[in-house]
C-alpha atoms as a PDB file:
ATOM      1  CA  MET A   1       6.129 -12.277-158.647  1.00  0.00           C
ATOM      2  CA  ILE A   2       9.260 -13.726-160.200  1.00  0.00           C
ATOM      3  CA  ILE A   3      11.242 -10.693-159.012  1.00  0.00           C
ATOM      4  CA  GLU A   4       9.885 -11.255-155.509  1.00  0.00           C
ATOM      5  CA  GLN A   5      10.920 -14.902-155.682  1.00  0.00           C
ATOM      6  CA  GLU A   6      14.388 -13.919-156.892  1.00  0.00           C
ATOM      7  CA  GLU A   7      14.839 -11.567-153.924  1.00  0.00           C
ATOM      8  CA  LYS A   8      13.617 -14.205-151.484  1.00  0.00           C
ATOM      9  CA  PHE A   9      15.989 -16.784-152.944  1.00  0.00           C
ATOM     10  CA  LYS A  10      18.927 -14.364-152.652  1.00  0.00           C
ATOM     11  CA  ASP A  11      17.994 -13.672-149.038  1.00  0.00           C
ATOM     12  CA  VAL A  12      17.752 -17.384-148.257  1.00  0.00           C
ATOM     13  CA  LEU A  13      21.101 -18.048-149.913  1.00  0.00           C
ATOM     14  CA  SER A  14      22.795 -15.383-147.792  1.00  0.00           C
ATOM     15  CA  LYS A  15      21.456 -16.926-144.572  1.00  0.00           C
ATOM     16  CA  ILE A  16      22.369 -20.559-145.154  1.00  0.00           C
ATOM     17  CA  GLU A  17      25.256 -21.719-143.022  1.00  0.00           C
ATOM     18  CA  GLY A  18      27.351 -24.655-144.133  1.00  0.00           C
ATOM     19  CA  LYS A  19      26.858 -26.678-147.275  1.00  0.00           C
ATOM     20  CA  ILE A  20      24.292 -25.336-149.726  1.00  0.00           C
ATOM     21  CA  ASN A  21      22.103 -27.945-151.372  1.00  0.00           C
ATOM     22  CA  GLU A  22      18.498 -28.216-152.461  1.00  0.00           C
ATOM     23  CA  GLN A  23      17.304 -29.650-149.131  1.00  0.00           C
ATOM     24  CA  SER A  24      19.022 -27.051-146.940  1.00  0.00           C
ATOM     25  CA  PHE A  25      17.750 -24.279-149.216  1.00  0.00           C
ATOM     26  CA  PHE A  26      14.192 -25.661-149.100  1.00  0.00           C
ATOM     27  CA  ASN A  27      14.255 -25.906-145.296  1.00  0.00           C
ATOM     28  CA  LYS A  28      15.640 -22.388-144.857  1.00  0.00           C
ATOM     29  CA  PHE A  29      13.061 -20.987-147.299  1.00  0.00           C
ATOM     30  CA  LEU A  30      10.244 -22.534-145.249  1.00  0.00           C
ATOM     31  CA  GLU A  31      11.778 -21.146-142.075  1.00  0.00           C
ATOM     32  CA  LEU A  32      12.222 -17.604-143.418  1.00  0.00           C
ATOM     33  CA  TYR A  33       9.096 -17.307-145.577  1.00  0.00           C
ATOM     34  CA  PRO A  34       6.253 -19.334-144.047  1.00  0.00           C
ATOM     35  CA  GLU A  35       3.690 -16.884-145.465  1.00  0.00           C
ATOM     36  CA  ALA A  36       4.965 -17.386-149.019  1.00  0.00           C
ATOM     37  CA  TRP A  37       4.864 -21.155-148.532  1.00  0.00           C
ATOM     38  CA  LYS A  38       1.303 -20.921-147.218  1.00  0.00           C
ATOM     39  CA  LYS A  39       0.229 -18.868-150.269  1.00  0.00           C
ATOM     40  CA  HIS A  40       1.886 -21.411-152.560  1.00  0.00           C
ATOM     41  CA  LYS A  41      -0.051 -24.281-150.954  1.00  0.00           C
ATOM     42  CA  ILE A  42      -3.335 -22.335-151.006  1.00  0.00           C
ATOM     43  CA  MET A  43      -2.970 -21.581-154.726  1.00  0.00           C
ATOM     44  CA  TYR A  44      -2.385 -25.280-155.402  1.00  0.00           C
ATOM     45  CA  SER A  45      -5.440 -26.241-153.355  1.00  0.00           C
ATOM     46  CA  LYS A  46      -7.673 -23.671-155.070  1.00  0.00           C
ATOM     47  CA  PHE A  47      -6.522 -24.789-158.495  1.00  0.00           C
ATOM     48  CA  ASN A  48      -7.258 -28.432-157.717  1.00  0.00           C
ATOM     49  CA  LYS A  49     -10.728 -27.573-156.437  1.00  0.00           C
ATOM     50  CA  SER A  50     -11.520 -25.445-159.483  1.00  0.00           C
ATOM     51  CA  LYS A  51     -10.944 -28.235-162.010  1.00  0.00           C
ATOM     52  CA  GLN A  52     -14.052 -29.488-163.710  1.00  0.00           C
ATOM     53  CA  PHE A  53     -15.064 -33.088-163.183  1.00  0.00           C
ATOM     54  CA  GLY A  54     -13.238 -35.412-165.538  1.00  0.00           C
ATOM     55  CA  GLN A  55     -10.639 -32.859-166.596  1.00  0.00           C
ATOM     56  CA  LYS A  56      -7.057 -33.757-165.852  1.00  0.00           C
ATOM     57  CA  ILE A  57      -4.573 -30.928-165.712  1.00  0.00           C
ATOM     58  CA  PRO A  58      -1.134 -31.979-164.534  1.00  0.00           C
ATOM     59  CA  LEU A  59       0.008 -29.765-161.695  1.00  0.00           C
ATOM     60  CA  PRO A  60       2.925 -30.708-159.456  1.00  0.00           C
ATOM     61  CA  LYS A  61       2.403 -30.699-155.711  1.00  0.00           C
ATOM     62  CA  PRO A  62       3.637 -27.561-153.912  1.00  0.00           C
ATOM     63  CA  GLU A  63       6.737 -29.302-152.524  1.00  0.00           C
ATOM     64  CA  VAL A  64       7.715 -30.571-155.961  1.00  0.00           C
ATOM     65  CA  SER A  65       7.205 -27.238-157.723  1.00  0.00           C
ATOM     66  CA  LEU A  66       9.130 -25.250-155.086  1.00  0.00           C
ATOM     67  CA  ARG A  67      12.009 -27.741-155.139  1.00  0.00           C
ATOM     68  CA  LYS A  68      12.136 -27.463-158.926  1.00  0.00           C
ATOM     69  CA  GLU A  69      12.244 -23.650-158.742  1.00  0.00           C
ATOM     70  CA  ILE A  70      15.046 -23.890-156.172  1.00  0.00           C
ATOM     71  CA  ARG A  71      16.977 -26.414-158.260  1.00  0.00           C
ATOM     72  CA  VAL A  72      16.762 -24.254-161.388  1.00  0.00           C
ATOM     73  CA  TRP A  73      17.717 -21.113-159.484  1.00  0.00           C
ATOM     74  CA  LEU A  74      20.713 -22.772-157.810  1.00  0.00           C
ATOM     75  CA  GLN A  75      21.975 -24.051-161.158  1.00  0.00           C
ATOM     76  CA  LYS A  76      21.966 -20.489-162.502  1.00  0.00           C
ATOM     77  CA  GLN A  77      24.116 -19.280-159.616  1.00  0.00           C
END
């Protein structure tokens, strides 16, 4: 899955026009890969529903986790 994500990020980067920042990258990713974004949100929703009552497991919201992945990936470039 990480290799898939890497390829998607490279594709997004090649299609961004103008200044590249986290917000423009995030918006272009959602535009190009709505199915990946949908899967990401569904996994988050399923995980939250599967928690047992009273258990707290910190899990960032989908927007936050994707932005963090983008930020880390952009810093490596």
